[in-house]
Amino acid sequence: MAVHAVVYAPASGCAWRHLPPAFGTSPATAHRRFTVWTEAGLWRRPHRAVLDERGARGEADWTSAIVDAASVRTKREDR
C-alpha cells in the first residue's frame, strides 16, 4: 500500500529507491504520491495534532529545534 511506503521512507530515513518491495508499490510511485500530498498540505494537520497532543502532556521540548537545509552554489554570469 502506497501510504505505508510514503510514511515509512521519511520516518525511517530510507532512500526512496531502497524501499522494500513488501510495500507493494514502486519507489517512484511512493515518491510521487509523497510529493503530491506534500504540495497539497496533507501533512500539516496530522503534524500539528501530534505537536498539540505532546504539548498537552508536557512531552514537547520547545527549547530547541532542528533546521534542515541545503546550499547549492549558483552559476555566476560573466559581465
C-alpha atoms as a PDB file:
ATOM      1  CA  MET A   1       0.000   0.000   0.000  1.00  0.00           C
ATOM      2  CA  ALA A   2       1.441   3.350  -1.086  1.00  0.00           C
ATOM      3  CA  VAL A   3       0.525   5.229   2.087  1.00  0.00           C
ATOM      4  CA  HIS A   4       2.644   2.873   4.201  1.00  0.00           C
ATOM      5  CA  ALA A   5       5.631   3.379   1.912  1.00  0.00           C
ATOM      6  CA  VAL A   6       5.095   7.153   1.905  1.00  0.00           C
ATOM      7  CA  VAL A   7       5.145   7.276   5.703  1.00  0.00           C
ATOM      8  CA  TYR A   8       7.949   4.713   6.092  1.00  0.00           C
ATOM      9  CA  ALA A   9      10.577   6.384   3.911  1.00  0.00           C
ATOM     10  CA  PRO A  10      10.756   9.792   5.638  1.00  0.00           C
ATOM     11  CA  ALA A  11      10.215   8.333   9.124  1.00  0.00           C
ATOM     12  CA  SER A  12      12.980   5.752   8.743  1.00  0.00           C
ATOM     13  CA  GLY A  13      15.399   7.813   6.677  1.00  0.00           C
ATOM     14  CA  CYS A  14      15.258   5.181   3.944  1.00  0.00           C
ATOM     15  CA  ALA A  15      16.042   6.483   0.454  1.00  0.00           C
ATOM     16  CA  TRP A  16      13.045   6.212  -1.851  1.00  0.00           C
ATOM     17  CA  ARG A  17      14.992   3.940  -4.205  1.00  0.00           C
ATOM     18  CA  HIS A  18      15.621   1.496  -1.335  1.00  0.00           C
ATOM     19  CA  LEU A  19      12.009   0.992  -0.280  1.00  0.00           C
ATOM     20  CA  PRO A  20      11.368  -2.685   0.481  1.00  0.00           C
ATOM     21  CA  PRO A  21       9.264  -4.401  -2.202  1.00  0.00           C
ATOM     22  CA  ALA A  22       6.951  -5.657   0.562  1.00  0.00           C
ATOM     23  CA  PHE A  23       5.120  -2.314   0.382  1.00  0.00           C
ATOM     24  CA  GLY A  24       3.737  -3.355  -2.991  1.00  0.00           C
ATOM     25  CA  THR A  25       4.394  -0.025  -4.678  1.00  0.00           C
ATOM     26  CA  SER A  26       7.323   1.220  -6.687  1.00  0.00           C
ATOM     27  CA  PRO A  27       9.717   3.757  -5.179  1.00  0.00           C
ATOM     28  CA  ALA A  28       8.796   6.190  -7.978  1.00  0.00           C
ATOM     29  CA  THR A  29       5.078   5.921  -7.194  1.00  0.00           C
ATOM     30  CA  ALA A  30       5.662   6.337  -3.457  1.00  0.00           C
ATOM     31  CA  HIS A  31       7.830   9.413  -4.020  1.00  0.00           C
ATOM     32  CA  ARG A  32       5.357  10.902  -6.484  1.00  0.00           C
ATOM     33  CA  ARG A  33       2.483  10.457  -4.024  1.00  0.00           C
ATOM     34  CA  PHE A  34       4.567  11.968  -1.203  1.00  0.00           C
ATOM     35  CA  THR A  35       5.333  14.995  -3.383  1.00  0.00           C
ATOM     36  CA  VAL A  36       1.708  15.498  -4.427  1.00  0.00           C
ATOM     37  CA  TRP A  37       0.409  15.075  -0.878  1.00  0.00           C
ATOM     38  CA  THR A  38       3.067  17.433   0.490  1.00  0.00           C
ATOM     39  CA  GLU A  39       2.239  20.112  -2.086  1.00  0.00           C
ATOM     40  CA  ALA A  40      -1.445  19.706  -1.156  1.00  0.00           C
ATOM     41  CA  GLY A  41      -0.602  20.403   2.513  1.00  0.00           C
ATOM     42  CA  LEU A  42      -1.736  16.975   3.704  1.00  0.00           C
ATOM     43  CA  TRP A  43       0.882  16.646   6.449  1.00  0.00           C
ATOM     44  CA  ARG A  44       0.156  19.936   8.260  1.00  0.00           C
ATOM     45  CA  ARG A  45      -2.932  18.829  10.210  1.00  0.00           C
ATOM     46  CA  PRO A  46      -1.586  15.481  11.483  1.00  0.00           C
ATOM     47  CA  HIS A  47       1.749  17.110  12.369  1.00  0.00           C
ATOM     48  CA  ARG A  48       0.009  19.869  14.303  1.00  0.00           C
ATOM     49  CA  ALA A  49      -2.216  17.323  16.077  1.00  0.00           C
ATOM     50  CA  VAL A  50       0.838  15.362  17.247  1.00  0.00           C
ATOM     51  CA  LEU A  51       2.558  18.540  18.456  1.00  0.00           C
ATOM     52  CA  ASP A  52      -0.576  19.683  20.302  1.00  0.00           C
ATOM     53  CA  GLU A  53      -1.023  16.280  21.964  1.00  0.00           C
ATOM     54  CA  ARG A  54       2.603  16.077  23.051  1.00  0.00           C
ATOM     55  CA  GLY A  55       2.487  19.674  24.261  1.00  0.00           C
ATOM     56  CA  ALA A  56      -0.660  18.991  26.331  1.00  0.00           C
ATOM     57  CA  ARG A  57       1.123  16.064  28.024  1.00  0.00           C
ATOM     58  CA  GLY A  58       4.229  18.175  28.645  1.00  0.00           C
ATOM     59  CA  GLU A  59       6.305  15.990  26.322  1.00  0.00           C
ATOM     60  CA  ALA A  60       7.241  18.683  23.798  1.00  0.00           C
ATOM     61  CA  ASP A  61      10.565  20.426  24.409  1.00  0.00           C
ATOM     62  CA  TRP A  62      10.242  23.837  22.777  1.00  0.00           C
ATOM     63  CA  THR A  63      13.709  24.993  23.920  1.00  0.00           C
ATOM     64  CA  SER A  64      15.460  23.700  20.808  1.00  0.00           C
ATOM     65  CA  ALA A  65      14.771  22.993  17.162  1.00  0.00           C
ATOM     66  CA  ILE A  66      16.405  21.293  14.220  1.00  0.00           C
ATOM     67  CA  VAL A  67      16.630  23.072  10.898  1.00  0.00           C
ATOM     68  CA  ASP A  68      17.496  21.130   7.788  1.00  0.00           C
ATOM     69  CA  ALA A  69      18.744  22.967   4.740  1.00  0.00           C
ATOM     70  CA  ALA A  70      20.783  22.523   1.618  1.00  0.00           C
ATOM     71  CA  SER A  71      23.068  25.040  -0.011  1.00  0.00           C
ATOM     72  CA  VAL A  72      23.854  24.995  -3.708  1.00  0.00           C
ATOM     73  CA  ARG A  73      26.232  27.374  -5.445  1.00  0.00           C
ATOM     74  CA  THR A  74      24.648  29.163  -8.369  1.00  0.00           C
ATOM     75  CA  LYS A  75      26.347  29.726 -11.676  1.00  0.00           C
ATOM     76  CA  ARG A  76      27.875  33.154 -11.967  1.00  0.00           C
ATOM     77  CA  GLU A  77      27.091  35.144 -15.060  1.00  0.00           C
ATOM     78  CA  ASP A  78      30.026  36.836 -16.806  1.00  0.00           C
ATOM     79  CA  ARG A  79      29.526  40.548 -17.070  1.00  0.00           C
END
